[in-house]
Structure formats: structure tokens, C-alpha cells
């Protein structure tokens, strides 16, 4: 909290609110913190409140003048004795009312250009008003974090409430942990709703709130509940500041407690012989968990297509660090001058480590589409059967090659979309078999078009 640091370092706050009021009334004033004066300058408040232009007899020329003109000074526009800055009371301070546009009848809008100051600038003013009130003697009560993450199986979450500025005397404040509008966690299922009162002894500067968490076996993603300091319940002179509310994010542990299962990102692959860069990129997904470091081997083998002539034999090991859910590698495709049919080669996964598994099928075929002969990939602009054209669809890629459903223009196949919340939809024997059938039918349709 920058305003507090500046105020304390410069000695701009008296020992207590009582002393501050006595000093101000005697005409001995301390400067405003730099960031407070900067708000007035940067928002053009000095256009009407400096030098000879003193609207409402309010001078904001510099930090010293501003403080003397604001704190405990009755506003000229008020018939009820309202003061420009009531130490410790934001709502009753006319300065806050004017800047927040809730009392423009008192001297008009401030600043005068018709634009409200930013919420960040208003917070600087409000925090300064709080800091020069009772809080400097008895304490400013705030939650240490506005948001915290906690694992579902942790059992409990602990949040700290700090007492800043003053620490004189015994003070209390009420709190509640509950689900509010916009939250998703359920009381009794995900956490236990609690409420209570925190008591700070004289000179005590922190207390803790402990909320029980409930671990279930249901995959439901991250869920949220809220811990609040209840405004109006503070006693002993302390004041509630910001943040007074904290969002607790319960991180789900289902599907992430296992090392995972490997599968190909597609159930079928096709690539043009003259593919750009001469390579096809393969992505291996890690689903159903991402705990620990694991690895899996990959290798190619001939199946019609010949390594060294049609493609470059490739093998290696993919290492997945903790939490990593995908890795890629490339296979080189060799372009020859021979007019031939489309050819195939195999790509397999093997030897998973760290208790990870390999989904079925553990191998796929990659189709190399020949670019020699009459089917040269020239094509029309409508993405016709030969895969040509910039506007091609499922059969035509953007660069005139034979594209797949991803429309990249350099490789075909059926994508398996894997997201963190829907990994379980990517695999499974039924879904995999269905996608495999779709890929096979797509390949047969392409062969029929080529032969027609």
C-alpha cells in the first residue's frame, strides 16, 4: 500500500487521530503524500483550485497547501457543516463525494472537465482519508490476499487478516466464508460455510481465518467461494480497509492425480509429397492426468512407403515434465520424381515410463500423397478435388496441397481436440473407434476421387 508507506516514511501522520486534529486546528499542517497530491495535478483539479482561481475558496497548489485546505475544513457549498475531508470517514468527506460524482450540487463536478477520475485515483484519495482517521491509532483491518488458490484435497484453507497502521487496544471484526453471487463452490460439498469474530489483543497485528475444504470424487473444474470481513462489525476504533474480500479458488484434483495416458492428436494423418518445409509435425497428447515427469518412445516403420526414399526414418523419446500435456516432433518427407500411388508408413508409440499408459491404437498410418503426374495440386479457387486453391475446404488446403479438416494445407487427418476440462472426451474406445471410421471413410473418398 504505497500511500501508507509514503505517509509513514515522511512522518506526515501524527501519533494518533486526536493529535492530528489538534495540530490541524492550530494551523500547523503536514504535507499530503506525494501520490495524493499527484491525483489533483494529473486530473486538472488545479485549473479551478490554484493561484487566483479558487473555486469554493479551496486551494490545491501544493502538498502543504492542499492538506491545510482540506482536512477538517467546512465546505463552502455546505449548509450542514459538512467538511471537505473528515479524517477516517470516506463517505462523509465532501472531497470524496465530489470526486465520485455523488454530490455535484456542492460546487459542481470535480474535476471540472466532465470526466470522472479513475477508480485507482479515487482509491488513493479514499485510502489517504482512512489513514488519517482512527485507523492510525487503532488499526486498519485488511485481508492479506484478494485471491488464493488451494488444492481440493488440502483439507483447509487459511487466510490472514492484518492490522496495519495502529495497534492500540483490543479490537474485533466479524467475518463470513460463504458462496455469494458469481461463486460456484457448494457449501457442504466443496467447503464448510463458517462465520465468526476475530479479536485482536492490544499490539496484536494479525489473525487467521481457517475454512474446512471437502474433497469429492467428481470432476468439476475449479470452484470458488468468498471470505469477507463484514463492514460495520469492527469495534474498538479499528477500520476495515481494502481488500476486505478474498476469493478462494478450489483446484479440482480429479483427472490430474495420475501420470496420464498418451495418444496421438489425430487418428489419421496425410501429407503431400512436396509439403512446405519438407516435414510433417506430429503432436502427442497426455490426457487423464499430468502428475510427475513421464516419457514415451516413438518410431516409424515402412508400410508401402520406403524410408530413405519416401520419408526419413525417425525415432526418439518425448519427455513430459510435471503438468505438461503435449509434446511435438517432426518427420521429414522426401519428394521424388516418380509418378506413383499414395504410399503409407507406420508411426508407433512404445515404452511409456512413470506409470503412464498408451491409449489404443498405439500406432497410426501416415499417408504420403504423390505430387507427380496429372494430379499436380494446381486446382481451382473453390478447393476442388485436387486440393488446389486458396479458398479450399476439407479436401483443399490453403497452399494448393491436400489439406485435412484443419485446413492447414499441408497435412490431413481428423483432429482430436483435447482441453483441460474435456480431456475425457478425447479418448475412450467408443470415441476412438468412431473417429477411426470417419478417418477411414475420408481416405476412401479421396482415393475414389483420385481414380475418377
Protein backbone atom coordinates (compact mmCIF):
# COMPACT_ATOMS: atom_id res chain seq x y z
CA UNK A 1 0.00 0.00 0.00
CA UNK A 2 2.03 2.87 -1.38
CA UNK A 3 0.09 5.61 0.33
CA UNK A 4 0.78 4.10 3.75
CA UNK A 5 4.49 3.72 3.05
CA UNK A 6 4.81 7.30 1.87
CA UNK A 7 2.86 8.65 4.80
CA UNK A 8 4.79 6.72 7.41
CA UNK A 9 8.22 7.41 5.86
CA UNK A 10 7.66 11.14 5.68
CA UNK A 11 6.24 11.44 9.16
CA UNK A 12 3.14 13.00 7.72
CA UNK A 13 0.77 11.39 10.20
CA UNK A 14 0.58 12.43 13.83
CA UNK A 15 0.79 9.80 16.56
CA UNK A 16 -2.97 9.50 16.77
CA UNK A 17 -6.11 10.89 15.17
CA UNK A 18 -6.62 13.11 18.21
CA UNK A 19 -3.16 14.62 17.86
CA UNK A 20 -3.73 15.11 14.15
CA UNK A 21 -6.91 17.06 14.69
CA UNK A 22 -5.28 19.20 17.36
CA UNK A 23 -2.34 20.03 15.09
CA UNK A 24 -4.60 20.86 12.12
CA UNK A 25 -6.82 23.08 14.23
CA UNK A 26 -3.77 25.00 15.43
CA UNK A 27 -2.82 25.69 11.83
CA UNK A 28 0.33 23.52 11.86
CA UNK A 29 -0.09 21.24 8.85
CA UNK A 30 1.83 18.37 7.37
CA UNK A 31 2.17 17.82 3.62
CA UNK A 32 -0.05 15.41 1.72
CA UNK A 33 1.59 12.19 0.50
CA UNK A 34 3.03 12.68 -2.99
CA UNK A 35 0.62 10.25 -4.66
CA UNK A 36 -2.40 12.10 -3.22
CA UNK A 37 -1.20 15.49 -4.50
CA UNK A 38 -0.41 13.86 -7.85
CA UNK A 39 -4.08 12.90 -8.22
CA UNK A 40 -5.08 16.57 -8.04
CA UNK A 41 -2.39 17.62 -10.52
CA UNK A 42 -2.88 14.83 -13.08
CA UNK A 43 -6.68 15.27 -13.12
CA UNK A 44 -6.54 19.05 -13.74
CA UNK A 45 -8.08 19.92 -10.37
CA UNK A 46 -5.68 22.85 -10.15
CA UNK A 47 -7.47 24.55 -13.05
CA UNK A 48 -10.07 25.74 -10.56
CA UNK A 49 -8.18 25.39 -7.28
CA UNK A 50 -4.82 27.14 -7.60
CA UNK A 51 -3.46 30.66 -7.64
CA UNK A 52 -6.17 33.21 -8.36
CA UNK A 53 -8.65 30.54 -9.46
CA UNK A 54 -10.00 29.32 -6.13
CA UNK A 55 -13.42 27.81 -6.68
CA UNK A 56 -15.09 27.43 -3.30
CA UNK A 57 -12.01 29.01 -1.70
CA UNK A 58 -10.28 25.60 -2.00
CA UNK A 59 -6.55 25.81 -2.75
CA UNK A 60 -4.69 22.74 -4.01
CA UNK A 61 -1.50 24.43 -5.21
CA UNK A 62 0.92 22.05 -3.48
CA UNK A 63 1.04 19.29 -0.86
CA UNK A 64 1.26 21.67 2.11
CA UNK A 65 -1.48 24.00 0.93
CA UNK A 66 -3.75 21.10 -0.05
CA UNK A 67 -3.63 19.48 3.38
CA UNK A 68 -4.38 22.72 5.16
CA UNK A 69 -7.26 23.43 2.80
CA UNK A 70 -8.90 20.01 3.08
CA UNK A 71 -8.64 18.31 6.48
CA UNK A 72 -11.46 19.26 8.88
CA UNK A 73 -12.33 22.32 6.76
CA UNK A 74 -16.03 23.06 6.31
CA UNK A 75 -17.03 23.08 2.65
CA UNK A 76 -18.27 26.49 1.42
CA UNK A 77 -21.02 24.77 -0.52
CA UNK A 78 -22.42 23.02 2.56
CA UNK A 79 -25.21 24.37 4.73
CA UNK A 80 -24.91 21.49 7.17
CA UNK A 81 -21.32 21.96 8.25
CA UNK A 82 -20.00 19.10 6.11
CA UNK A 83 -16.22 19.08 5.90
CA UNK A 84 -14.07 18.52 2.84
CA UNK A 85 -12.09 15.72 4.49
CA UNK A 86 -13.39 14.04 7.63
CA UNK A 87 -10.39 12.04 8.93
CA UNK A 88 -11.17 8.33 8.70
CA UNK A 89 -14.65 8.80 7.16
CA UNK A 90 -14.66 8.48 3.38
CA UNK A 91 -18.42 8.64 2.86
CA UNK A 92 -18.90 11.84 4.89
CA UNK A 93 -15.98 13.62 3.22
CA UNK A 94 -17.20 16.15 0.63
CA UNK A 95 -13.97 15.67 -1.34
CA UNK A 96 -14.84 12.02 -1.92
CA UNK A 97 -18.43 12.93 -2.78
CA UNK A 98 -17.34 15.41 -5.44
CA UNK A 99 -14.70 13.14 -6.98
CA UNK A 100 -17.12 10.19 -7.01
CA UNK A 101 -19.84 12.38 -8.61
CA UNK A 102 -22.35 11.76 -5.81
CA UNK A 103 -22.65 15.38 -4.66
CA UNK A 104 -22.04 17.59 -7.68
CA UNK A 105 -24.55 20.15 -6.37
CA UNK A 106 -21.87 21.14 -3.86
CA UNK A 107 -19.72 23.30 -6.11
CA UNK A 108 -20.19 21.26 -9.27
CA UNK A 109 -18.30 18.27 -10.66
CA UNK A 110 -14.65 17.81 -9.75
CA UNK A 111 -12.55 17.71 -11.87
CA UNK A 112 -14.39 20.30 -13.99
CA UNK A 113 -13.86 18.69 -17.42
CA UNK A 114 -16.87 16.38 -17.08
CA UNK A 115 -14.81 13.20 -16.72
CA UNK A 116 -14.68 11.19 -13.53
CA UNK A 117 -11.25 10.33 -12.18
CA UNK A 118 -10.19 6.70 -12.44
CA UNK A 119 -11.16 4.20 -9.77
CA UNK A 120 -7.45 3.79 -8.96
CA UNK A 121 -7.05 7.53 -8.33
CA UNK A 122 -10.22 7.63 -6.24
CA UNK A 123 -8.87 4.72 -4.17
CA UNK A 124 -5.71 6.74 -3.47
CA UNK A 125 -7.82 9.61 -2.10
CA UNK A 126 -10.07 7.29 -0.09
CA UNK A 127 -7.17 5.34 1.39
CA UNK A 128 -5.50 8.56 2.49
CA UNK A 129 -8.73 9.72 4.20
CA UNK A 130 -8.90 6.39 6.06
CA UNK A 131 -5.23 6.53 7.04
CA UNK A 132 -5.52 9.86 8.89
CA UNK A 133 -8.51 8.75 10.99
CA UNK A 134 -8.83 6.35 13.89
CA UNK A 135 -7.04 3.65 11.86
CA UNK A 136 -3.69 5.27 12.55
CA UNK A 137 -4.24 4.66 16.26
CA UNK A 138 -6.38 1.52 16.45
CA UNK A 139 -5.69 -0.24 13.16
CA UNK A 140 -6.70 -0.77 9.55
CA UNK A 141 -8.07 -4.33 9.10
CA UNK A 142 -7.49 -5.99 5.71
CA UNK A 143 -7.27 -9.46 4.21
CA UNK A 144 -3.72 -10.26 3.16
CA UNK A 145 -4.74 -11.65 -0.25
CA UNK A 146 -7.60 -10.74 -2.57
CA UNK A 147 -7.44 -14.22 -4.15
CA UNK A 148 -5.89 -17.55 -3.17
CA UNK A 149 -5.60 -20.96 -4.86
CA UNK A 150 -5.92 -24.15 -2.85
CA UNK A 151 -5.93 -27.84 -3.81
CA UNK A 152 -9.21 -29.66 -3.28
CA UNK A 153 -7.55 -32.34 -1.13
CA UNK A 154 -5.68 -29.91 1.13
CA UNK A 155 -8.33 -30.17 3.85
CA UNK A 156 -8.50 -26.49 4.77
CA UNK A 157 -7.55 -23.03 3.62
CA UNK A 158 -6.05 -20.42 5.96
CA UNK A 159 -6.28 -16.68 5.28
CA UNK A 160 -4.54 -13.94 7.25
CA UNK A 161 -6.21 -10.72 8.41
CA UNK A 162 -3.70 -7.94 9.05
CA UNK A 163 -3.99 -4.98 11.40
CA UNK A 164 -1.97 -2.15 9.84
CA UNK A 165 -1.12 1.39 10.97
CA UNK A 166 -2.12 1.47 14.66
CA UNK A 167 -2.39 -1.45 17.06
CA UNK A 168 -3.59 0.21 20.26
CA UNK A 169 -6.20 -1.52 22.37
CA UNK A 170 -8.46 -4.54 21.83
CA UNK A 171 -10.37 -4.52 18.51
CA UNK A 172 -12.70 -7.01 16.83
CA UNK A 173 -14.19 -7.67 13.41
CA UNK A 174 -16.70 -10.24 12.11
CA UNK A 175 -16.11 -12.46 9.06
CA UNK A 176 -18.00 -14.97 6.93
CA UNK A 177 -16.96 -17.66 4.44
CA UNK A 178 -19.81 -18.36 2.03
CA UNK A 179 -20.97 -18.65 -1.55
CA UNK A 180 -22.04 -15.30 -2.99
CA UNK A 181 -23.34 -14.23 -6.40
CA UNK A 182 -20.98 -15.42 -9.10
CA UNK A 183 -19.38 -18.16 -6.98
CA UNK A 184 -19.58 -21.85 -7.92
CA UNK A 185 -18.48 -23.85 -4.85
CA UNK A 186 -21.23 -25.53 -2.82
CA UNK A 187 -21.49 -25.40 0.96
CA UNK A 188 -21.44 -28.94 2.36
CA UNK A 189 -19.97 -30.40 -0.83
CA UNK A 190 -16.88 -28.35 -1.61
CA UNK A 191 -16.34 -26.40 1.63
CA UNK A 192 -17.98 -25.75 5.00
CA UNK A 193 -19.55 -22.33 5.43
CA UNK A 194 -18.38 -20.62 8.63
CA UNK A 195 -18.65 -17.23 10.32
CA UNK A 196 -17.20 -15.73 13.46
CA UNK A 197 -15.42 -12.87 15.18
CA UNK A 198 -11.70 -12.14 15.19
CA UNK A 199 -10.33 -10.49 18.34
CA UNK A 200 -7.03 -8.61 18.22
CA UNK A 201 -5.32 -8.05 21.58
CA UNK A 202 -3.50 -4.82 22.30
CA UNK A 203 -0.47 -4.58 19.93
CA UNK A 204 -1.57 -7.75 18.04
CA UNK A 205 -1.24 -7.24 14.28
CA UNK A 206 -2.61 -10.41 12.63
CA UNK A 207 -5.27 -13.10 12.98
CA UNK A 208 -6.16 -16.10 10.82
CA UNK A 209 -9.39 -17.49 9.37
CA UNK A 210 -9.48 -21.28 8.76
CA UNK A 211 -12.14 -22.73 6.45
CA UNK A 212 -12.59 -26.54 6.05
CA UNK A 213 -12.49 -27.94 2.49
CA UNK A 214 -14.33 -31.08 1.32
CA UNK A 215 -12.73 -33.41 -1.25
CA UNK A 216 -15.13 -35.25 -3.56
CA UNK A 217 -14.64 -37.68 -6.44
CA UNK A 218 -16.46 -35.61 -9.06
CA UNK A 219 -14.65 -33.87 -11.92
CA UNK A 220 -15.99 -30.30 -11.78
CA UNK A 221 -13.11 -27.95 -12.53
CA UNK A 222 -12.03 -25.03 -10.34
CA UNK A 223 -14.72 -23.78 -7.95
CA UNK A 224 -14.89 -20.54 -5.98
CA UNK A 225 -16.23 -19.23 -2.67
CA UNK A 226 -15.69 -15.94 -0.82
CA UNK A 227 -14.33 -14.86 2.56
CA UNK A 228 -15.41 -11.38 3.70
CA UNK A 229 -14.76 -9.00 6.57
CA UNK A 230 -18.24 -7.69 7.39
CA UNK A 231 -18.45 -3.90 7.18
CA UNK A 232 -19.88 -2.24 10.25
CA UNK A 233 -18.90 -5.00 12.66
CA UNK A 234 -15.47 -3.63 13.56
CA UNK A 235 -15.13 -2.35 17.13
CA UNK A 236 -12.53 -0.76 19.37
CA UNK A 237 -11.78 2.03 16.88
CA UNK A 238 -10.35 -0.14 14.11
CA UNK A 239 -11.43 0.42 10.49
CA UNK A 240 -11.96 -2.13 7.69
CA UNK A 241 -9.81 -1.35 4.64
CA UNK A 242 -9.11 -2.94 1.24
CA UNK A 243 -9.03 -5.76 0.40
CA UNK A 244 -11.85 -6.85 2.70
CA UNK A 245 -12.91 -9.74 0.46
CA UNK A 246 -10.93 -12.73 -0.78
CA UNK A 247 -11.87 -15.26 -3.48
CA UNK A 248 -10.82 -18.83 -2.70
CA UNK A 249 -10.23 -20.94 -5.84
CA UNK A 250 -10.55 -24.67 -5.12
CA UNK A 251 -8.43 -26.51 -7.71
CA UNK A 252 -10.03 -29.81 -8.69
CA UNK A 253 -7.81 -32.90 -8.35
CA UNK A 254 -9.80 -35.38 -10.44
CA UNK A 255 -8.13 -36.50 -13.70
CA UNK A 256 -4.86 -34.93 -12.57
CA UNK A 257 -3.82 -37.41 -9.88
CA UNK A 258 -2.47 -39.98 -12.36
CA UNK A 259 0.61 -39.77 -14.61
CA UNK A 260 -1.60 -39.75 -17.71
CA UNK A 261 -2.34 -41.62 -20.93
CA UNK A 262 -0.62 -40.92 -24.26
CA UNK A 263 -2.47 -40.72 -27.55
CA UNK A 264 -1.98 -39.27 -31.00
CA UNK A 265 -3.57 -35.89 -31.66
CA UNK A 266 -5.12 -37.43 -34.80
CA UNK A 267 -6.36 -40.85 -35.72
CA UNK A 268 -5.18 -40.43 -39.30
CA UNK A 269 -2.51 -38.32 -40.98
CA UNK A 270 -1.88 -37.39 -44.60
CA UNK A 271 0.80 -35.18 -46.07
CA UNK A 272 1.73 -34.06 -49.58
CA UNK A 273 4.98 -35.31 -51.02
CA UNK A 274 6.00 -31.70 -51.73
CA UNK A 275 4.84 -30.35 -48.36
CA UNK A 276 6.28 -26.97 -47.35
CA UNK A 277 9.47 -27.28 -45.28
CA UNK A 278 9.56 -30.97 -46.17
CA UNK A 279 8.19 -32.12 -42.80
CA UNK A 280 5.01 -33.17 -41.06
CA UNK A 281 4.55 -32.22 -37.40
CA UNK A 282 3.15 -34.83 -35.01
CA UNK A 283 1.63 -33.94 -31.63
CA UNK A 284 1.34 -36.46 -28.81
CA UNK A 285 -1.23 -35.66 -26.12
CA UNK A 286 -1.02 -36.56 -22.45
CA UNK A 287 -4.57 -36.98 -21.12
CA UNK A 288 -6.28 -38.25 -17.95
CA UNK A 289 -3.61 -36.77 -15.68
CA UNK A 290 -0.31 -34.93 -15.65
CA UNK A 291 1.37 -35.93 -12.38
CA UNK A 292 5.13 -36.35 -12.37
CA UNK A 293 7.65 -36.50 -15.20
CA UNK A 294 6.93 -39.23 -17.76
CA UNK A 295 8.16 -40.21 -21.21
CA UNK A 296 7.21 -42.28 -24.24
CA UNK A 297 9.14 -43.57 -27.25
CA UNK A 298 8.09 -43.08 -30.88
CA UNK A 299 9.33 -44.70 -34.10
CA UNK A 300 8.43 -45.03 -37.77
CA UNK A 301 8.39 -48.19 -39.91
CA UNK A 302 7.81 -48.93 -43.60
CA UNK A 303 4.40 -49.95 -44.87
CA UNK A 304 4.49 -49.37 -48.64
CA UNK A 305 6.41 -46.12 -48.30
CA UNK A 306 10.16 -46.70 -48.02
CA UNK A 307 12.38 -44.90 -45.56
CA UNK A 308 15.22 -43.07 -47.27
CA UNK A 309 13.19 -42.79 -50.46
CA UNK A 310 9.73 -41.53 -49.45
CA UNK A 311 10.35 -40.36 -45.87
CA UNK A 312 13.16 -40.23 -43.33
CA UNK A 313 13.04 -42.94 -40.67
CA UNK A 314 12.53 -41.24 -37.30
CA UNK A 315 12.63 -42.38 -33.68
CA UNK A 316 13.15 -40.82 -30.29
CA UNK A 317 11.82 -40.20 -26.79
CA UNK A 318 9.37 -37.50 -25.76
CA UNK A 319 9.77 -36.28 -22.17
CA UNK A 320 6.76 -34.68 -20.44
CA UNK A 321 7.61 -32.64 -17.31
CA UNK A 322 5.13 -32.40 -14.44
CA UNK A 323 1.92 -30.79 -15.72
CA UNK A 324 2.95 -30.96 -19.39
CA UNK A 325 0.11 -32.21 -21.58
CA UNK A 326 1.51 -32.18 -25.13
CA UNK A 327 4.80 -32.56 -26.99
CA UNK A 328 5.63 -32.48 -30.71
CA UNK A 329 8.22 -33.83 -33.13
CA UNK A 330 8.66 -33.79 -36.93
CA UNK A 331 9.16 -36.38 -39.63
CA UNK A 332 10.93 -35.48 -42.90
CA UNK A 333 9.05 -36.23 -46.14
CA UNK A 334 11.18 -36.89 -49.25
CA UNK A 335 9.95 -35.64 -52.62
CA UNK A 336 10.92 -37.85 -55.57
CA UNK A 337 10.23 -37.57 -59.31
CA UNK A 338 8.40 -40.88 -59.59
CA UNK A 339 4.72 -40.96 -60.58
CA UNK A 340 3.26 -43.38 -58.06
CA UNK A 341 0.20 -44.07 -55.94
CA UNK A 342 -0.20 -42.67 -52.46
CA UNK A 343 2.00 -44.54 -50.00
CA UNK A 344 1.87 -45.29 -46.31
CA UNK A 345 4.21 -45.70 -43.39
CA UNK A 346 3.58 -46.51 -39.72
CA UNK A 347 4.16 -44.41 -36.62
CA UNK A 348 4.10 -46.14 -33.22
CA UNK A 349 4.31 -45.26 -29.53
CA UNK A 350 6.01 -47.59 -27.03
CA UNK A 351 7.68 -47.95 -23.62
CA UNK A 352 5.88 -45.35 -21.50
CA UNK A 353 7.58 -44.51 -18.19
CA UNK A 354 6.41 -43.23 -14.80
CA UNK A 355 3.31 -45.48 -14.79
CA UNK A 356 1.84 -43.59 -17.76
CA UNK A 357 -0.24 -45.55 -20.29
CA UNK A 358 -0.63 -45.61 -24.08
CA UNK A 359 -4.16 -45.37 -25.47
CA UNK A 360 -5.38 -47.66 -28.23
CA UNK A 361 -4.40 -47.60 -31.04
CA UNK A 362 -0.72 -47.34 -30.21
CA UNK A 363 0.18 -46.82 -33.86
CA UNK A 364 -1.22 -44.87 -36.82
CA UNK A 365 -0.59 -44.76 -40.56
CA UNK A 366 0.65 -41.67 -42.35
CA UNK A 367 -0.36 -41.26 -46.00
CA UNK A 368 2.04 -39.57 -48.44
CA UNK A 369 0.09 -38.06 -51.35
CA UNK A 370 2.10 -38.18 -54.60
CA UNK A 371 2.60 -34.85 -56.41
CA UNK A 372 3.86 -36.28 -59.72
CA UNK A 373 1.73 -36.99 -62.78
CA UNK A 374 -1.51 -35.27 -63.82
CA UNK A 375 -2.72 -34.61 -60.28
CA UNK A 376 -0.35 -31.72 -59.63
CA UNK A 377 -2.28 -29.86 -56.98
CA UNK A 378 -2.97 -26.87 -59.21
CA UNK A 379 -6.68 -26.84 -58.56
CA UNK A 380 -9.39 -24.26 -58.77
CA UNK A 381 -10.19 -21.43 -56.38
CA UNK A 382 -13.06 -23.37 -54.87
CA UNK A 383 -10.93 -26.03 -53.15
CA UNK A 384 -11.74 -28.76 -55.63
CA UNK A 385 -10.99 -32.46 -55.62
CA UNK A 386 -7.33 -31.98 -56.48
CA UNK A 387 -6.76 -30.00 -53.31
CA UNK A 388 -5.97 -26.70 -55.04
CA UNK A 389 -6.96 -23.13 -54.49
CA UNK A 390 -6.73 -20.56 -51.75
CA UNK A 391 -10.35 -20.98 -50.74
CA UNK A 392 -10.28 -24.75 -50.43
CA UNK A 393 -12.36 -26.69 -47.95
CA UNK A 394 -11.76 -30.05 -46.34
CA UNK A 395 -10.00 -31.51 -49.42
CA UNK A 396 -8.12 -28.38 -50.48
CA UNK A 397 -5.50 -26.66 -48.36
CA UNK A 398 -4.51 -23.01 -48.41
CA UNK A 399 -1.28 -23.59 -50.33
CA UNK A 400 -2.70 -25.87 -53.00
CA UNK A 401 -1.78 -29.11 -51.28
CA UNK A 402 -4.08 -31.77 -49.99
CA UNK A 403 -5.45 -30.39 -46.72
CA UNK A 404 -7.29 -32.13 -43.92
CA UNK A 405 -10.09 -31.00 -41.71
CA UNK A 406 -7.76 -28.46 -40.10
CA UNK A 407 -7.42 -26.54 -43.43
CA UNK A 408 -3.66 -26.09 -42.94
CA UNK A 409 -2.98 -27.17 -46.49
CA UNK A 410 -0.02 -29.40 -45.67
CA UNK A 411 -1.42 -32.32 -43.74
CA UNK A 412 -4.70 -34.08 -43.44
CA UNK A 413 -6.47 -36.16 -40.86
CA UNK A 414 -9.04 -35.82 -38.14
CA UNK A 415 -8.05 -33.71 -35.13
CA UNK A 416 -8.70 -34.82 -31.60
CA UNK A 417 -9.39 -31.65 -29.63
CA UNK A 418 -8.09 -32.01 -26.08
CA UNK A 419 -8.81 -29.34 -23.50
CA UNK A 420 -8.14 -29.39 -19.77
CA UNK A 421 -11.84 -29.57 -18.93
CA UNK A 422 -12.75 -32.10 -21.63
CA UNK A 423 -9.78 -34.45 -21.90
CA UNK A 424 -12.00 -37.38 -21.12
CA UNK A 425 -13.79 -36.81 -24.45
CA UNK A 426 -10.58 -37.21 -26.47
CA UNK A 427 -10.14 -40.93 -25.94
CA UNK A 428 -12.10 -43.99 -24.91
CA UNK A 429 -12.67 -46.98 -27.11
CA UNK A 430 -16.04 -45.87 -28.47
CA UNK A 431 -14.99 -42.37 -29.47
CA UNK A 432 -11.69 -43.56 -30.83
CA UNK A 433 -13.35 -46.25 -32.96
CA UNK A 434 -15.87 -43.76 -34.31
CA UNK A 435 -13.18 -41.26 -35.26
CA UNK A 436 -11.10 -44.05 -36.83
CA UNK A 437 -14.08 -44.99 -39.01
CA UNK A 438 -14.55 -41.38 -40.08
CA UNK A 439 -10.87 -41.13 -40.99
CA UNK A 440 -11.04 -44.36 -42.99
CA UNK A 441 -14.12 -43.22 -44.92
CA UNK A 442 -12.43 -39.88 -45.66
CA UNK A 443 -9.37 -41.66 -47.00
CA UNK A 444 -11.50 -43.99 -49.21
CA UNK A 445 -13.34 -40.95 -50.60
CA UNK A 446 -10.06 -39.35 -51.54
CA UNK A 447 -8.86 -42.50 -53.30
CA UNK A 448 -12.13 -42.67 -55.24
CA UNK A 449 -11.73 -39.05 -56.35
CA UNK A 450 -8.16 -39.65 -57.46
CA UNK A 451 -9.17 -42.68 -59.54
CA UNK A 452 -12.14 -40.92 -61.19
